[in-house]
Amino acid sequence: MAEIKWNALKSERLKKTLGVSFEEIIKSKLMGIRQHPTRINQKILVYEHKGYLWAVPYVVEDEIVFLKTIYPSRKLLKLYKGG
């Protein structure tokens, strides 16, 4: 498995603004991996966390998965849960 990294400062900011950090999200249930709709060099990890689906865009460089951000997604919720 590839090494997973992220920006620690960004993780802190996400925790303050959204209530979830990269450290928490990667311990949650991975629901799937999707192609990013507009950025060809990125994919999106889909995690279920606290009863909601979260999108985590990432890039892979030199065998390292770098997480870019986290955001809740109603679109993914409908796609995966039908609700």
PDB file of N, CA and C in Angstrom:
ATOM      1  N   MET A   1       0.840  -1.191   0.000  1.00  0.00           N
ATOM      2  CA  MET A   1       0.000   0.000   0.000  1.00  0.00           C
ATOM      3  C   MET A   1       0.877   1.244   0.000  1.00  0.00           C
ATOM      4  N   ALA A   2       0.425   2.255  -0.692  1.00  0.00           N
ATOM      5  CA  ALA A   2       1.168   3.513  -0.788  1.00  0.00           C
ATOM      6  C   ALA A   2       1.080   4.283   0.532  1.00  0.00           C
ATOM      7  N   GLU A   3       2.071   5.112   0.757  1.00  0.00           N
ATOM      8  CA  GLU A   3       2.080   5.970   1.931  1.00  0.00           C
ATOM      9  C   GLU A   3       1.078   7.108   1.722  1.00  0.00           C
ATOM     10  N   ILE A   4       0.355   7.467   2.780  1.00  0.00           N
ATOM     11  CA  ILE A   4      -0.630   8.545   2.702  1.00  0.00           C
ATOM     12  C   ILE A   4      -0.118   9.738   3.496  1.00  0.00           C
ATOM     13  N   LYS A   5      -0.126  10.918   2.853  1.00  0.00           N
ATOM     14  CA  LYS A   5       0.342  12.144   3.506  1.00  0.00           C
ATOM     15  C   LYS A   5      -0.668  13.261   3.288  1.00  0.00           C
ATOM     16  N   TRP A   6      -0.541  14.302   4.114  1.00  0.00           N
ATOM     17  CA  TRP A   6      -1.378  15.492   3.992  1.00  0.00           C
ATOM     18  C   TRP A   6      -0.698  16.642   4.694  1.00  0.00           C
ATOM     19  N   ASN A   7      -1.215  17.836   4.466  1.00  0.00           N
ATOM     20  CA  ASN A   7      -0.703  19.033   5.107  1.00  0.00           C
ATOM     21  C   ASN A   7      -1.326  19.134   6.500  1.00  0.00           C
ATOM     22  N   ALA A   8      -0.485  19.133   7.535  1.00  0.00           N
ATOM     23  CA  ALA A   8      -0.976  19.152   8.924  1.00  0.00           C
ATOM     24  C   ALA A   8      -1.754  20.424   9.241  1.00  0.00           C
ATOM     25  N   LEU A   9      -1.307  21.562   8.717  1.00  0.00           N
ATOM     26  CA  LEU A   9      -2.007  22.827   8.954  1.00  0.00           C
ATOM     27  C   LEU A   9      -3.404  22.796   8.324  1.00  0.00           C
ATOM     28  N   LYS A  10      -3.493  22.251   7.127  1.00  0.00           N
ATOM     29  CA  LYS A  10      -4.787  22.132   6.448  1.00  0.00           C
ATOM     30  C   LYS A  10      -5.710  21.220   7.250  1.00  0.00           C
ATOM     31  N   SER A  11      -5.170  20.145   7.801  1.00  0.00           N
ATOM     32  CA  SER A  11      -5.956  19.224   8.601  1.00  0.00           C
ATOM     33  C   SER A  11      -6.535  19.926   9.833  1.00  0.00           C
ATOM     34  N   GLU A  12      -5.737  20.765  10.467  1.00  0.00           N
ATOM     35  CA  GLU A  12      -6.195  21.548  11.624  1.00  0.00           C
ATOM     36  C   GLU A  12      -7.328  22.491  11.236  1.00  0.00           C
ATOM     37  N   ARG A  13      -7.159  23.175  10.109  1.00  0.00           N
ATOM     38  CA  ARG A  13      -8.190  24.107   9.627  1.00  0.00           C
ATOM     39  C   ARG A  13      -9.495  23.385   9.307  1.00  0.00           C
ATOM     40  N   LEU A  14      -9.384  22.205   8.676  1.00  0.00           N
ATOM     41  CA  LEU A  14     -10.571  21.426   8.352  1.00  0.00           C
ATOM     42  C   LEU A  14     -11.290  20.979   9.621  1.00  0.00           C
ATOM     43  N   LYS A  15     -10.523  20.618  10.640  1.00  0.00           N
ATOM     44  CA  LYS A  15     -11.107  20.203  11.919  1.00  0.00           C
ATOM     45  C   LYS A  15     -11.896  21.357  12.537  1.00  0.00           C
ATOM     46  N   LYS A  16     -11.356  22.558  12.449  1.00  0.00           N
ATOM     47  CA  LYS A  16     -12.040  23.731  13.017  1.00  0.00           C
ATOM     48  C   LYS A  16     -13.277  24.130  12.212  1.00  0.00           C
ATOM     49  N   THR A  17     -13.190  24.055  10.889  1.00  0.00           N
ATOM     50  CA  THR A  17     -14.293  24.524  10.050  1.00  0.00           C
ATOM     51  C   THR A  17     -15.360  23.459   9.779  1.00  0.00           C
ATOM     52  N   LEU A  18     -14.939  22.216   9.544  1.00  0.00           N
ATOM     53  CA  LEU A  18     -15.884  21.160   9.192  1.00  0.00           C
ATOM     54  C   LEU A  18     -16.100  20.127  10.295  1.00  0.00           C
ATOM     55  N   GLY A  19     -15.220  20.145  11.300  1.00  0.00           N
ATOM     56  CA  GLY A  19     -15.346  19.173  12.381  1.00  0.00           C
ATOM     57  C   GLY A  19     -14.749  17.815  12.067  1.00  0.00           C
ATOM     58  N   VAL A  20     -13.933  17.743  11.020  1.00  0.00           N
ATOM     59  CA  VAL A  20     -13.288  16.479  10.657  1.00  0.00           C
ATOM     60  C   VAL A  20     -11.877  16.769  10.133  1.00  0.00           C
ATOM     61  N   SER A  21     -10.940  15.903  10.493  1.00  0.00           N
ATOM     62  CA  SER A  21      -9.548  16.059  10.063  1.00  0.00           C
ATOM     63  C   SER A  21      -9.147  14.880   9.178  1.00  0.00           C
ATOM     64  N   PHE A  22      -8.002  15.016   8.508  1.00  0.00           N
ATOM     65  CA  PHE A  22      -7.497  13.902   7.696  1.00  0.00           C
ATOM     66  C   PHE A  22      -7.248  12.676   8.566  1.00  0.00           C
ATOM     67  N   GLU A  23      -6.735  12.893   9.787  1.00  0.00           N
ATOM     68  CA  GLU A  23      -6.445  11.779  10.693  1.00  0.00           C
ATOM     69  C   GLU A  23      -7.703  10.978  11.000  1.00  0.00           C
ATOM     70  N   GLU A  24      -8.826  11.671  11.205  1.00  0.00           N
ATOM     71  CA  GLU A  24     -10.095  11.000  11.494  1.00  0.00           C
ATOM     72  C   GLU A  24     -10.676  10.322  10.261  1.00  0.00           C
ATOM     73  N   ILE A  25     -10.626  11.023   9.147  1.00  0.00           N
ATOM     74  CA  ILE A  25     -11.303  10.525   7.952  1.00  0.00           C
ATOM     75  C   ILE A  25     -10.675   9.227   7.444  1.00  0.00           C
ATOM     76  N   ILE A  26      -9.356   9.107   7.520  1.00  0.00           N
ATOM     77  CA  ILE A  26      -8.733   7.879   6.991  1.00  0.00           C
ATOM     78  C   ILE A  26      -8.976   6.674   7.892  1.00  0.00           C
ATOM     79  N   LYS A  27      -9.460   6.909   9.103  1.00  0.00           N
ATOM     80  CA  LYS A  27      -9.822   5.804  10.001  1.00  0.00           C
ATOM     81  C   LYS A  27     -11.273   5.386   9.804  1.00  0.00           C
ATOM     82  N   SER A  28     -12.007   6.123   8.981  1.00  0.00           N
ATOM     83  CA  SER A  28     -13.413   5.835   8.716  1.00  0.00           C
ATOM     84  C   SER A  28     -13.539   4.765   7.638  1.00  0.00           C
ATOM     85  N   LYS A  29     -14.779   4.420   7.308  1.00  0.00           N
ATOM     86  CA  LYS A  29     -15.049   3.386   6.309  1.00  0.00           C
ATOM     87  C   LYS A  29     -14.889   3.947   4.897  1.00  0.00           C
ATOM     88  N   LEU A  30     -13.978   3.365   4.132  1.00  0.00           N
ATOM     89  CA  LEU A  30     -13.787   3.746   2.735  1.00  0.00           C
ATOM     90  C   LEU A  30     -14.889   3.102   1.903  1.00  0.00           C
ATOM     91  N   MET A  31     -15.660   3.947   1.212  1.00  0.00           N
ATOM     92  CA  MET A  31     -16.792   3.465   0.421  1.00  0.00           C
ATOM     93  C   MET A  31     -16.417   3.221  -1.043  1.00  0.00           C
ATOM     94  N   GLY A  32     -15.430   3.973  -1.534  1.00  0.00           N
ATOM     95  CA  GLY A  32     -15.051   3.810  -2.925  1.00  0.00           C
ATOM     96  C   GLY A  32     -14.044   4.856  -3.367  1.00  0.00           C
ATOM     97  N   ILE A  33     -13.618   4.709  -4.623  1.00  0.00           N
ATOM     98  CA  ILE A  33     -12.688   5.651  -5.247  1.00  0.00           C
ATOM     99  C   ILE A  33     -13.299   6.055  -6.576  1.00  0.00           C
ATOM    100  N   ARG A  34     -13.331   7.357  -6.830  1.00  0.00           N
ATOM    101  CA  ARG A  34     -13.925   7.871  -8.060  1.00  0.00           C
ATOM    102  C   ARG A  34     -12.935   8.786  -8.774  1.00  0.00           C
ATOM    103  N   GLN A  35     -13.118   8.906 -10.075  1.00  0.00           N
ATOM    104  CA  GLN A  35     -12.331   9.850 -10.860  1.00  0.00           C
ATOM    105  C   GLN A  35     -12.845  11.254 -10.567  1.00  0.00           C
ATOM    106  N   HIS A  36     -11.956  12.211 -10.416  1.00  0.00           N
ATOM    107  CA  HIS A  36     -12.368  13.595 -10.199  1.00  0.00           C
ATOM    108  C   HIS A  36     -13.044  14.087 -11.476  1.00  0.00           C
ATOM    109  N   PRO A  37     -14.198  14.751 -11.358  1.00  0.00           N
ATOM    110  CA  PRO A  37     -14.939  15.137 -12.568  1.00  0.00           C
ATOM    111  C   PRO A  37     -14.256  16.194 -13.430  1.00  0.00           C
ATOM    112  N   THR A  38     -13.381  17.018 -12.860  1.00  0.00           N
ATOM    113  CA  THR A  38     -12.775  18.080 -13.663  1.00  0.00           C
ATOM    114  C   THR A  38     -11.244  18.054 -13.675  1.00  0.00           C
ATOM    115  N   ARG A  39     -10.626  17.387 -12.745  1.00  0.00           N
ATOM    116  CA  ARG A  39      -9.160  17.363 -12.691  1.00  0.00           C
ATOM    117  C   ARG A  39      -8.652  15.955 -13.024  1.00  0.00           C
ATOM    118  N   ILE A  40      -8.041  15.826 -14.184  1.00  0.00           N
ATOM    119  CA  ILE A  40      -7.646  14.501 -14.655  1.00  0.00           C
ATOM    120  C   ILE A  40      -6.525  13.875 -13.825  1.00  0.00           C
ATOM    121  N   ASN A  41      -5.750  14.689 -13.116  1.00  0.00           N
ATOM    122  CA  ASN A  41      -4.657  14.145 -12.317  1.00  0.00           C
ATOM    123  C   ASN A  41      -5.091  13.769 -10.894  1.00  0.00           C
ATOM    124  N   GLN A  42      -6.377  13.975 -10.567  1.00  0.00           N
ATOM    125  CA  GLN A  42      -6.864  13.677  -9.223  1.00  0.00           C
ATOM    126  C   GLN A  42      -7.955  12.614  -9.243  1.00  0.00           C
ATOM    127  N   LYS A  43      -8.029  11.884  -8.136  1.00  0.00           N
ATOM    128  CA  LYS A  43      -9.144  10.979  -7.880  1.00  0.00           C
ATOM    129  C   LYS A  43      -9.739  11.383  -6.544  1.00  0.00           C
ATOM    130  N   ILE A  44     -10.865  10.792  -6.213  1.00  0.00           N
ATOM    131  CA  ILE A  44     -11.559  11.131  -4.973  1.00  0.00           C
ATOM    132  C   ILE A  44     -11.819   9.868  -4.168  1.00  0.00           C
ATOM    133  N   LEU A  45     -11.353   9.867  -2.921  1.00  0.00           N
ATOM    134  CA  LEU A  45     -11.694   8.812  -1.986  1.00  0.00           C
ATOM    135  C   LEU A  45     -13.042   9.180  -1.379  1.00  0.00           C
ATOM    136  N   VAL A  46     -13.932   8.207  -1.241  1.00  0.00           N
ATOM    137  CA  VAL A  46     -15.247   8.453  -0.651  1.00  0.00           C
ATOM    138  C   VAL A  46     -15.286   7.710   0.683  1.00  0.00           C
ATOM    139  N   TYR A  47     -15.427   8.473   1.761  1.00  0.00           N
ATOM    140  CA  TYR A  47     -15.471   7.898   3.103  1.00  0.00           C
ATOM    141  C   TYR A  47     -16.827   8.143   3.740  1.00  0.00           C
ATOM    142  N   GLU A  48     -17.276   7.179   4.548  1.00  0.00           N
ATOM    143  CA  GLU A  48     -18.452   7.375   5.383  1.00  0.00           C
ATOM    144  C   GLU A  48     -17.948   7.709   6.780  1.00  0.00           C
ATOM    145  N   HIS A  49     -18.361   8.865   7.287  1.00  0.00           N
ATOM    146  CA  HIS A  49     -17.897   9.328   8.593  1.00  0.00           C
ATOM    147  C   HIS A  49     -19.030  10.061   9.285  1.00  0.00           C
ATOM    148  N   LYS A  50     -19.355   9.656  10.492  1.00  0.00           N
ATOM    149  CA  LYS A  50     -20.425  10.283  11.280  1.00  0.00           C
ATOM    150  C   LYS A  50     -21.748  10.307  10.514  1.00  0.00           C
ATOM    151  N   GLY A  51     -22.047   9.221   9.820  1.00  0.00           N
ATOM    152  CA  GLY A  51     -23.320   9.094   9.118  1.00  0.00           C
ATOM    153  C   GLY A  51     -23.453   9.875   7.829  1.00  0.00           C
ATOM    154  N   TYR A  52     -22.357  10.394   7.312  1.00  0.00           N
ATOM    155  CA  TYR A  52     -22.414  11.180   6.081  1.00  0.00           C
ATOM    156  C   TYR A  52     -21.280  10.762   5.160  1.00  0.00           C
ATOM    157  N   LEU A  53     -21.390  11.083   3.886  1.00  0.00           N
ATOM    158  CA  LEU A  53     -20.313  10.761   2.946  1.00  0.00           C
ATOM    159  C   LEU A  53     -19.444  11.985   2.694  1.00  0.00           C
ATOM    160  N   TRP A  54     -18.157  11.744   2.714  1.00  0.00           N
ATOM    161  CA  TRP A  54     -17.166  12.807   2.567  1.00  0.00           C
ATOM    162  C   TRP A  54     -16.273  12.495   1.366  1.00  0.00           C
ATOM    163  N   ALA A  55     -16.021  13.505   0.560  1.00  0.00           N
ATOM    164  CA  ALA A  55     -15.121  13.380  -0.582  1.00  0.00           C
ATOM    165  C   ALA A  55     -13.742  13.873  -0.162  1.00  0.00           C
ATOM    166  N   VAL A  56     -12.728  13.097  -0.533  1.00  0.00           N
ATOM    167  CA  VAL A  56     -11.342  13.454  -0.207  1.00  0.00           C
ATOM    168  C   VAL A  56     -10.512  13.374  -1.495  1.00  0.00           C
ATOM    169  N   PRO A  57     -10.398  14.495  -2.227  1.00  0.00           N
ATOM    170  CA  PRO A  57      -9.574  14.503  -3.436  1.00  0.00           C
ATOM    171  C   PRO A  57      -8.107  14.246  -3.090  1.00  0.00           C
ATOM    172  N   TYR A  58      -7.422  13.517  -3.995  1.00  0.00           N
ATOM    173  CA  TYR A  58      -6.012  13.212  -3.759  1.00  0.00           C
ATOM    174  C   TYR A  58      -5.253  13.101  -5.074  1.00  0.00           C
ATOM    175  N   VAL A  59      -3.942  13.224  -4.966  1.00  0.00           N
ATOM    176  CA  VAL A  59      -3.046  12.990  -6.096  1.00  0.00           C
ATOM    177  C   VAL A  59      -2.027  11.944  -5.660  1.00  0.00           C
ATOM    178  N   VAL A  60      -1.455  11.256  -6.635  1.00  0.00           N
ATOM    179  CA  VAL A  60      -0.405  10.278  -6.354  1.00  0.00           C
ATOM    180  C   VAL A  60       0.865  10.748  -7.042  1.00  0.00           C
ATOM    181  N   GLU A  61       1.920  10.901  -6.251  1.00  0.00           N
ATOM    182  CA  GLU A  61       3.226  11.286  -6.783  1.00  0.00           C
ATOM    183  C   GLU A  61       4.296  10.419  -6.141  1.00  0.00           C
ATOM    184  N   ASP A  62       5.077   9.735  -6.944  1.00  0.00           N
ATOM    185  CA  ASP A  62       6.170   8.899  -6.451  1.00  0.00           C
ATOM    186  C   ASP A  62       5.715   7.933  -5.362  1.00  0.00           C
ATOM    187  N   GLU A  63       4.625   7.200  -5.613  1.00  0.00           N
ATOM    188  CA  GLU A  63       4.105   6.200  -4.673  1.00  0.00           C
ATOM    189  C   GLU A  63       3.551   6.806  -3.380  1.00  0.00           C
ATOM    190  N   ILE A  64       3.330   8.112  -3.335  1.00  0.00           N
ATOM    191  CA  ILE A  64       2.769   8.773  -2.164  1.00  0.00           C
ATOM    192  C   ILE A  64       1.399   9.332  -2.526  1.00  0.00           C
ATOM    193  N   VAL A  65       0.401   8.977  -1.731  1.00  0.00           N
ATOM    194  CA  VAL A  65      -0.945   9.514  -1.892  1.00  0.00           C
ATOM    195  C   VAL A  65      -1.016  10.772  -1.048  1.00  0.00           C
ATOM    196  N   PHE A  66      -1.264  11.926  -1.698  1.00  0.00           N
ATOM    197  CA  PHE A  66      -1.333  13.193  -0.977  1.00  0.00           C
ATOM    198  C   PHE A  66      -2.776  13.676  -0.970  1.00  0.00           C
ATOM    199  N   LEU A  67      -3.367  13.745   0.235  1.00  0.00           N
ATOM    200  CA  LEU A  67      -4.749  14.184   0.379  1.00  0.00           C
ATOM    201  C   LEU A  67      -4.812  15.702   0.276  1.00  0.00           C
ATOM    202  N   LYS A  68      -5.735  16.216  -0.539  1.00  0.00           N
ATOM    203  CA  LYS A  68      -5.818  17.647  -0.813  1.00  0.00           C
ATOM    204  C   LYS A  68      -6.776  18.377   0.131  1.00  0.00           C
ATOM    205  N   THR A  69      -7.990  17.850   0.306  1.00  0.00           N
ATOM    206  CA  THR A  69      -8.994  18.484   1.167  1.00  0.00           C
ATOM    207  C   THR A  69     -10.066  17.460   1.507  1.00  0.00           C
ATOM    208  N   ILE A  70     -11.060  17.898   2.267  1.00  0.00           N
ATOM    209  CA  ILE A  70     -12.205  17.060   2.636  1.00  0.00           C
ATOM    210  C   ILE A  70     -13.450  17.937   2.495  1.00  0.00           C
ATOM    211  N   TYR A  71     -14.513  17.356   1.949  1.00  0.00           N
ATOM    212  CA  TYR A  71     -15.779  18.082   1.960  1.00  0.00           C
ATOM    213  C   TYR A  71     -16.948  17.099   1.975  1.00  0.00           C
ATOM    214  N   PRO A  72     -18.036  17.468   2.663  1.00  0.00           N
ATOM    215  CA  PRO A  72     -19.221  16.603   2.665  1.00  0.00           C
ATOM    216  C   PRO A  72     -19.894  16.682   1.300  1.00  0.00           C
ATOM    217  N   SER A  73     -20.493  15.564   0.860  1.00  0.00           N
ATOM    218  CA  SER A  73     -21.050  15.553  -0.494  1.00  0.00           C
ATOM    219  C   SER A  73     -22.444  14.934  -0.539  1.00  0.00           C
ATOM    220  N   ARG A  74     -23.440  15.777  -0.810  1.00  0.00           N
ATOM    221  CA  ARG A  74     -24.805  15.280  -1.003  1.00  0.00           C
ATOM    222  C   ARG A  74     -24.888  14.430  -2.270  1.00  0.00           C
ATOM    223  N   LYS A  75     -24.134  14.818  -3.287  1.00  0.00           N
ATOM    224  CA  LYS A  75     -24.136  14.079  -4.551  1.00  0.00           C
ATOM    225  C   LYS A  75     -23.680  12.632  -4.328  1.00  0.00           C
ATOM    226  N   LEU A  76     -22.599  12.457  -3.571  1.00  0.00           N
ATOM    227  CA  LEU A  76     -22.110  11.110  -3.288  1.00  0.00           C
ATOM    228  C   LEU A  76     -23.063  10.357  -2.376  1.00  0.00           C
ATOM    229  N   LEU A  77     -23.705  11.059  -1.458  1.00  0.00           N
ATOM    230  CA  LEU A  77     -24.686  10.429  -0.574  1.00  0.00           C
ATOM    231  C   LEU A  77     -25.817   9.827  -1.398  1.00  0.00           C
ATOM    232  N   LYS A  78     -26.315  10.585  -2.383  1.00  0.00           N
ATOM    233  CA  LYS A  78     -27.375  10.078  -3.255  1.00  0.00           C
ATOM    234  C   LYS A  78     -26.887   8.898  -4.090  1.00  0.00           C
ATOM    235  N   LEU A  79     -25.662   9.001  -4.573  1.00  0.00           N
ATOM    236  CA  LEU A  79     -25.095   7.957  -5.416  1.00  0.00           C
ATOM    237  C   LEU A  79     -24.899   6.640  -4.666  1.00  0.00           C
ATOM    238  N   TYR A  80     -24.369   6.723  -3.449  1.00  0.00           N
ATOM    239  CA  TYR A  80     -24.046   5.522  -2.678  1.00  0.00           C
ATOM    240  C   TYR A  80     -25.198   5.031  -1.797  1.00  0.00           C
ATOM    241  N   LYS A  81     -26.004   5.936  -1.307  1.00  0.00           N
ATOM    242  CA  LYS A  81     -27.055   5.546  -0.350  1.00  0.00           C
ATOM    243  C   LYS A  81     -28.460   5.763  -0.879  1.00  0.00           C
ATOM    244  N   GLY A  82     -28.578   6.445  -2.007  1.00  0.00           N
ATOM    245  CA  GLY A  82     -29.892   6.688  -2.583  1.00  0.00           C
ATOM    246  C   GLY A  82     -30.725   7.697  -1.793  1.00  0.00           C
ATOM    247  N   GLY A  83     -30.092   8.490  -0.934  1.00  0.00           N
ATOM    248  CA  GLY A  83     -30.871   9.410  -0.106  1.00  0.00           C
ATOM    249  C   GLY A  83     -30.355  10.724  -0.035  1.00  0.00           C
TER     250      GLY A  83
END
